[in-house]
Amino acid sequence: MKPLFDWLDGMAERRARTLAQRSSRRSVLAGVGRMLVAGAFTLPVLPFDRTQHAHAAGGGGGGGAAGGAARKRTPVDTDCDYWRYCSVDGFLCSCCGGSATACPPGTEISKASWLGTCFNPADKKQYLVNYYDCCGRVSCNRCFCNTNHGDRPGYRLGVHNDINWCMASDSSVYHCTLSVVVAVA
């Protein structure tokens, strides 16, 4: 049995020495770095279980005290779950010194906008909501929402929210987004 172990030991030693002669520390670190970067892009693609989040938000069964409290809480105009933000993509002006329908001081409303149709659970009606960007100051960076219900591909500009809508205004600097209810759909 000892000759087998001597043979395996010798083979492992020869392979390790060959690898050490053909590669440098930098190339090994570069390879490890490539694997880490590839893993960072691959990991979000893997499936994972979101049922805990659904139950915590009141979307699942159970009917426990925490789930019941989550279901009874009504979202306000600074929550992404607020009904009029069903197609918003940006920072909410209601968190940035303005309101859901008025730009903060020092900004101006964009000349172009996108549309969404949102369901109001209070009166069980669909509403046409116009989303305007407020332009002229740096991004607010508070209350970011990206809900995208009914968002369409970029070739249909009137219903696509992934565009800097300030580009048609005097200043193309984006600050926050308004959600103006236009009419009952």
C-alpha atoms as a PDB file:
ATOM      1  CA  MET A   1       0.000   0.000   0.000  1.00  0.00           C
ATOM      2  CA  LYS A   2       2.938   2.295   0.723  1.00  0.00           C
ATOM      3  CA  PRO A   3       4.129   2.343  -2.938  1.00  0.00           C
ATOM      4  CA  LEU A   4       0.679   3.599  -4.003  1.00  0.00           C
ATOM      5  CA  PHE A   5       0.874   6.497  -1.540  1.00  0.00           C
ATOM      6  CA  ASP A   6       4.440   7.261  -2.614  1.00  0.00           C
ATOM      7  CA  TRP A   7       3.309   7.329  -6.234  1.00  0.00           C
ATOM      8  CA  LEU A   8       0.303   9.642  -5.454  1.00  0.00           C
ATOM      9  CA  ASP A   9       2.537  11.877  -3.332  1.00  0.00           C
ATOM     10  CA  GLY A  10       5.115  12.129  -6.101  1.00  0.00           C
ATOM     11  CA  MET A  11       2.492  12.879  -8.741  1.00  0.00           C
ATOM     12  CA  ALA A  12       0.901  15.607  -6.602  1.00  0.00           C
ATOM     13  CA  GLU A  13       4.331  17.124  -5.960  1.00  0.00           C
ATOM     14  CA  ARG A  14       5.212  17.156  -9.677  1.00  0.00           C
ATOM     15  CA  ARG A  15       1.892  18.781 -10.604  1.00  0.00           C
ATOM     16  CA  ALA A  16       2.232  21.415  -7.881  1.00  0.00           C
ATOM     17  CA  ARG A  17       5.777  22.267  -9.010  1.00  0.00           C
ATOM     18  CA  THR A  18       4.694  22.450 -12.670  1.00  0.00           C
ATOM     19  CA  LEU A  19       1.805  24.737 -11.766  1.00  0.00           C
ATOM     20  CA  ALA A  20       4.103  26.949  -9.669  1.00  0.00           C
ATOM     21  CA  GLN A  21       6.608  27.219 -12.539  1.00  0.00           C
ATOM     22  CA  ARG A  22       3.966  28.131 -15.127  1.00  0.00           C
ATOM     23  CA  SER A  23       1.924  30.656 -13.118  1.00  0.00           C
ATOM     24  CA  SER A  24       2.630  33.741 -11.042  1.00  0.00           C
ATOM     25  CA  ARG A  25       0.896  35.141  -7.977  1.00  0.00           C
ATOM     26  CA  ARG A  26      -0.580  37.884 -10.128  1.00  0.00           C
ATOM     27  CA  SER A  27      -2.145  35.451 -12.581  1.00  0.00           C
ATOM     28  CA  VAL A  28      -3.634  33.421  -9.712  1.00  0.00           C
ATOM     29  CA  LEU A  29      -5.064  36.595  -8.146  1.00  0.00           C
ATOM     30  CA  ALA A  30      -6.420  37.667 -11.548  1.00  0.00           C
ATOM     31  CA  GLY A  31      -8.129  34.283 -11.942  1.00  0.00           C
ATOM     32  CA  VAL A  32      -9.649  34.494  -8.465  1.00  0.00           C
ATOM     33  CA  GLY A  33     -10.836  38.036  -9.264  1.00  0.00           C
ATOM     34  CA  ARG A  34     -12.466  36.875 -12.489  1.00  0.00           C
ATOM     35  CA  MET A  35     -14.272  34.107 -10.612  1.00  0.00           C
ATOM     36  CA  LEU A  36     -15.541  36.583  -7.990  1.00  0.00           C
ATOM     37  CA  VAL A  37     -16.808  39.009 -10.623  1.00  0.00           C
ATOM     38  CA  ALA A  38     -18.474  36.204 -12.592  1.00  0.00           C
ATOM     39  CA  GLY A  39     -20.065  34.979  -9.372  1.00  0.00           C
ATOM     40  CA  ALA A  40     -21.396  38.453  -8.599  1.00  0.00           C
ATOM     41  CA  PHE A  41     -23.201  38.518 -11.959  1.00  0.00           C
ATOM     42  CA  THR A  42     -24.371  34.916 -11.741  1.00  0.00           C
ATOM     43  CA  LEU A  43     -25.638  34.905  -8.150  1.00  0.00           C
ATOM     44  CA  PRO A  44     -28.609  37.289  -8.711  1.00  0.00           C
ATOM     45  CA  VAL A  45     -29.791  35.044 -11.549  1.00  0.00           C
ATOM     46  CA  LEU A  46     -30.169  32.057  -9.261  1.00  0.00           C
ATOM     47  CA  PRO A  47     -33.709  31.407  -7.992  1.00  0.00           C
ATOM     48  CA  PHE A  48     -34.508  32.196  -4.375  1.00  0.00           C
ATOM     49  CA  ASP A  49     -37.538  31.989  -2.116  1.00  0.00           C
ATOM     50  CA  ARG A  50     -39.476  35.234  -1.616  1.00  0.00           C
ATOM     51  CA  THR A  51     -42.438  33.784   0.274  1.00  0.00           C
ATOM     52  CA  GLN A  52     -41.248  35.263   3.596  1.00  0.00           C
ATOM     53  CA  HIS A  53     -41.426  38.755   2.099  1.00  0.00           C
ATOM     54  CA  ALA A  54     -44.887  38.064   0.691  1.00  0.00           C
ATOM     55  CA  HIS A  55     -46.150  36.860   4.057  1.00  0.00           C
ATOM     56  CA  ALA A  56     -44.597  39.836   5.869  1.00  0.00           C
ATOM     57  CA  ALA A  57     -46.306  42.222   3.449  1.00  0.00           C
ATOM     58  CA  GLY A  58     -49.649  40.497   3.962  1.00  0.00           C
ATOM     59  CA  GLY A  59     -49.606  38.779   0.581  1.00  0.00           C
ATOM     60  CA  GLY A  60     -49.717  35.241   1.916  1.00  0.00           C
ATOM     61  CA  GLY A  61     -51.910  33.287   4.248  1.00  0.00           C
ATOM     62  CA  GLY A  62     -51.283  32.715   7.895  1.00  0.00           C
ATOM     63  CA  GLY A  63     -53.428  35.501   9.322  1.00  0.00           C
ATOM     64  CA  GLY A  64     -51.036  36.082  12.220  1.00  0.00           C
ATOM     65  CA  ALA A  65     -50.871  39.309  14.183  1.00  0.00           C
ATOM     66  CA  ALA A  66     -47.934  40.670  12.181  1.00  0.00           C
ATOM     67  CA  GLY A  67     -49.527  39.738   8.835  1.00  0.00           C
ATOM     68  CA  GLY A  68     -52.872  41.247   9.874  1.00  0.00           C
ATOM     69  CA  ALA A  69     -51.214  44.499  10.913  1.00  0.00           C
ATOM     70  CA  ALA A  70     -49.349  44.692   7.616  1.00  0.00           C
ATOM     71  CA  ARG A  71     -52.572  44.205   5.647  1.00  0.00           C
ATOM     72  CA  LYS A  72     -54.461  46.916   7.583  1.00  0.00           C
ATOM     73  CA  ARG A  73     -51.756  49.567   7.170  1.00  0.00           C
ATOM     74  CA  THR A  74     -52.623  51.991   4.376  1.00  0.00           C
ATOM     75  CA  PRO A  75     -49.646  53.224   2.320  1.00  0.00           C
ATOM     76  CA  VAL A  76     -49.092  56.990   2.304  1.00  0.00           C
ATOM     77  CA  ASP A  77     -47.706  59.204  -0.462  1.00  0.00           C
ATOM     78  CA  THR A  78     -44.091  58.599   0.606  1.00  0.00           C
ATOM     79  CA  ASP A  79     -44.375  54.774   0.217  1.00  0.00           C
ATOM     80  CA  CYS A  80     -43.662  52.981  -3.055  1.00  0.00           C
ATOM     81  CA  ASP A  81     -46.782  50.875  -2.350  1.00  0.00           C
ATOM     82  CA  TYR A  82     -49.029  53.935  -2.625  1.00  0.00           C
ATOM     83  CA  TRP A  83     -51.449  53.224  -5.486  1.00  0.00           C
ATOM     84  CA  ARG A  84     -50.593  56.265  -7.636  1.00  0.00           C
ATOM     85  CA  TYR A  85     -46.933  55.132  -7.861  1.00  0.00           C
ATOM     86  CA  CYS A  86     -47.716  51.951  -9.835  1.00  0.00           C
ATOM     87  CA  SER A  87     -45.456  52.958 -12.766  1.00  0.00           C
ATOM     88  CA  VAL A  88     -43.014  55.353 -11.134  1.00  0.00           C
ATOM     89  CA  ASP A  89     -39.272  55.078 -11.664  1.00  0.00           C
ATOM     90  CA  GLY A  90     -37.328  57.606  -9.625  1.00  0.00           C
ATOM     91  CA  PHE A  91     -37.190  59.539  -6.380  1.00  0.00           C
ATOM     92  CA  LEU A  92     -40.566  60.638  -4.985  1.00  0.00           C
ATOM     93  CA  CYS A  93     -40.960  64.429  -4.857  1.00  0.00           C
ATOM     94  CA  SER A  94     -43.065  64.013  -1.708  1.00  0.00           C
ATOM     95  CA  CYS A  95     -39.804  63.036   0.066  1.00  0.00           C
ATOM     96  CA  CYS A  96     -37.734  65.785  -1.572  1.00  0.00           C
ATOM     97  CA  GLY A  97     -39.447  68.986  -0.469  1.00  0.00           C
ATOM     98  CA  GLY A  98     -42.354  68.883  -2.898  1.00  0.00           C
ATOM     99  CA  SER A  99     -45.516  66.798  -3.009  1.00  0.00           C
ATOM    100  CA  ALA A 100     -46.946  64.070  -5.200  1.00  0.00           C
ATOM    101  CA  THR A 101     -48.206  66.787  -7.582  1.00  0.00           C
ATOM    102  CA  ALA A 102     -45.819  69.763  -7.086  1.00  0.00           C
ATOM    103  CA  CYS A 103     -42.093  70.080  -7.761  1.00  0.00           C
ATOM    104  CA  PRO A 104     -39.820  71.157  -4.906  1.00  0.00           C
ATOM    105  CA  PRO A 105     -38.603  74.784  -4.875  1.00  0.00           C
ATOM    106  CA  GLY A 106     -35.726  75.409  -7.281  1.00  0.00           C
ATOM    107  CA  THR A 107     -36.865  72.796  -9.803  1.00  0.00           C
ATOM    108  CA  GLU A 108     -39.119  72.913 -12.835  1.00  0.00           C
ATOM    109  CA  ILE A 109     -41.517  70.342 -14.234  1.00  0.00           C
ATOM    110  CA  SER A 110     -40.329  68.467 -17.327  1.00  0.00           C
ATOM    111  CA  LYS A 111     -41.905  69.232 -20.674  1.00  0.00           C
ATOM    112  CA  ALA A 112     -42.198  65.508 -21.488  1.00  0.00           C
ATOM    113  CA  SER A 113     -43.687  62.735 -19.349  1.00  0.00           C
ATOM    114  CA  TRP A 114     -44.904  59.137 -19.310  1.00  0.00           C
ATOM    115  CA  LEU A 115     -48.287  57.630 -18.485  1.00  0.00           C
ATOM    116  CA  GLY A 116     -49.480  54.780 -16.331  1.00  0.00           C
ATOM    117  CA  THR A 117     -52.830  53.307 -15.369  1.00  0.00           C
ATOM    118  CA  CYS A 118     -53.053  52.639 -11.633  1.00  0.00           C
ATOM    119  CA  PHE A 119     -55.689  50.874  -9.539  1.00  0.00           C
ATOM    120  CA  ASN A 120     -56.939  52.712  -6.428  1.00  0.00           C
ATOM    121  CA  PRO A 121     -58.025  50.051  -3.901  1.00  0.00           C
ATOM    122  CA  ALA A 122     -60.048  52.601  -1.884  1.00  0.00           C
ATOM    123  CA  ASP A 123     -62.649  53.212  -4.601  1.00  0.00           C
ATOM    124  CA  LYS A 124     -61.833  50.168  -6.793  1.00  0.00           C
ATOM    125  CA  LYS A 125     -61.237  52.316  -9.927  1.00  0.00           C
ATOM    126  CA  GLN A 126     -58.415  52.582 -12.469  1.00  0.00           C
ATOM    127  CA  TYR A 127     -56.850  56.031 -12.892  1.00  0.00           C
ATOM    128  CA  LEU A 128     -54.695  57.505 -15.632  1.00  0.00           C
ATOM    129  CA  VAL A 129     -51.566  58.879 -13.932  1.00  0.00           C
ATOM    130  CA  ASN A 130     -49.093  61.203 -15.634  1.00  0.00           C
ATOM    131  CA  TYR A 131     -45.504  61.023 -14.322  1.00  0.00           C
ATOM    132  CA  TYR A 132     -43.371  64.145 -14.674  1.00  0.00           C
ATOM    133  CA  ASP A 133     -39.748  64.582 -13.684  1.00  0.00           C
ATOM    134  CA  CYS A 134     -38.715  67.696 -11.776  1.00  0.00           C
ATOM    135  CA  CYS A 135     -35.539  69.113 -13.273  1.00  0.00           C
ATOM    136  CA  GLY A 136     -32.849  71.629 -12.400  1.00  0.00           C
ATOM    137  CA  ARG A 137     -31.231  70.282  -9.211  1.00  0.00           C
ATOM    138  CA  VAL A 138     -29.144  67.193  -8.484  1.00  0.00           C
ATOM    139  CA  SER A 139     -30.990  63.970  -7.629  1.00  0.00           C
ATOM    140  CA  CYS A 140     -32.789  63.955  -4.316  1.00  0.00           C
ATOM    141  CA  ASN A 141     -31.635  60.386  -3.447  1.00  0.00           C
ATOM    142  CA  ARG A 142     -34.548  59.773  -1.063  1.00  0.00           C
ATOM    143  CA  CYS A 143     -37.553  57.457  -1.438  1.00  0.00           C
ATOM    144  CA  PHE A 144     -36.475  55.685  -4.638  1.00  0.00           C
ATOM    145  CA  CYS A 145     -39.265  53.666  -6.242  1.00  0.00           C
ATOM    146  CA  ASN A 146     -39.099  51.486  -9.343  1.00  0.00           C
ATOM    147  CA  THR A 147     -42.433  49.726  -9.634  1.00  0.00           C
ATOM    148  CA  ASN A 148     -42.842  49.430 -13.430  1.00  0.00           C
ATOM    149  CA  HIS A 149     -46.378  47.979 -13.511  1.00  0.00           C
ATOM    150  CA  GLY A 150     -47.368  48.018 -17.176  1.00  0.00           C
ATOM    151  CA  ASP A 151     -44.052  49.464 -18.332  1.00  0.00           C
ATOM    152  CA  ARG A 152     -43.403  48.954 -22.045  1.00  0.00           C
ATOM    153  CA  PRO A 153     -40.181  48.608 -24.046  1.00  0.00           C
ATOM    154  CA  GLY A 154     -38.198  51.716 -24.930  1.00  0.00           C
ATOM    155  CA  TYR A 155     -39.534  51.996 -28.468  1.00  0.00           C
ATOM    156  CA  ARG A 156     -42.891  53.176 -27.066  1.00  0.00           C
ATOM    157  CA  LEU A 157     -41.654  56.390 -25.463  1.00  0.00           C
ATOM    158  CA  GLY A 158     -45.006  57.582 -24.077  1.00  0.00           C
ATOM    159  CA  VAL A 159     -45.326  54.550 -21.812  1.00  0.00           C
ATOM    160  CA  HIS A 160     -41.661  53.900 -21.019  1.00  0.00           C
ATOM    161  CA  ASN A 161     -40.276  55.201 -17.721  1.00  0.00           C
ATOM    162  CA  ASP A 162     -36.553  54.441 -18.073  1.00  0.00           C
ATOM    163  CA  ILE A 163     -35.676  57.695 -19.804  1.00  0.00           C
ATOM    164  CA  ASN A 164     -34.375  61.011 -18.478  1.00  0.00           C
ATOM    165  CA  TRP A 165     -37.510  63.019 -19.219  1.00  0.00           C
ATOM    166  CA  CYS A 166     -35.661  66.239 -18.292  1.00  0.00           C
ATOM    167  CA  MET A 167     -33.876  66.123 -21.654  1.00  0.00           C
ATOM    168  CA  ALA A 168     -36.639  68.257 -23.206  1.00  0.00           C
ATOM    169  CA  SER A 169     -36.453  70.889 -20.441  1.00  0.00           C
ATOM    170  CA  ASP A 170     -34.080  73.842 -20.011  1.00  0.00           C
ATOM    171  CA  SER A 171     -32.017  71.799 -17.524  1.00  0.00           C
ATOM    172  CA  SER A 172     -31.469  68.097 -18.164  1.00  0.00           C
ATOM    173  CA  VAL A 173     -30.512  67.444 -14.507  1.00  0.00           C
ATOM    174  CA  TYR A 174     -33.031  65.078 -12.860  1.00  0.00           C
ATOM    175  CA  HIS A 175     -34.195  65.708  -9.257  1.00  0.00           C
ATOM    176  CA  CYS A 176     -37.411  63.753  -8.499  1.00  0.00           C
ATOM    177  CA  THR A 177     -40.687  62.473 -10.019  1.00  0.00           C
ATOM    178  CA  LEU A 178     -44.291  63.675  -9.699  1.00  0.00           C
ATOM    179  CA  SER A 179     -47.413  61.502 -10.008  1.00  0.00           C
ATOM    180  CA  VAL A 180     -50.353  63.545 -11.260  1.00  0.00           C
ATOM    181  CA  VAL A 181     -53.744  61.817 -11.496  1.00  0.00           C
ATOM    182  CA  VAL A 182     -55.264  62.883 -14.826  1.00  0.00           C
ATOM    183  CA  ALA A 183     -58.587  61.070 -15.060  1.00  0.00           C
ATOM    184  CA  VAL A 184     -60.518  57.896 -14.385  1.00  0.00           C
ATOM    185  CA  ALA A 185     -59.429  55.303 -16.936  1.00  0.00           C
END
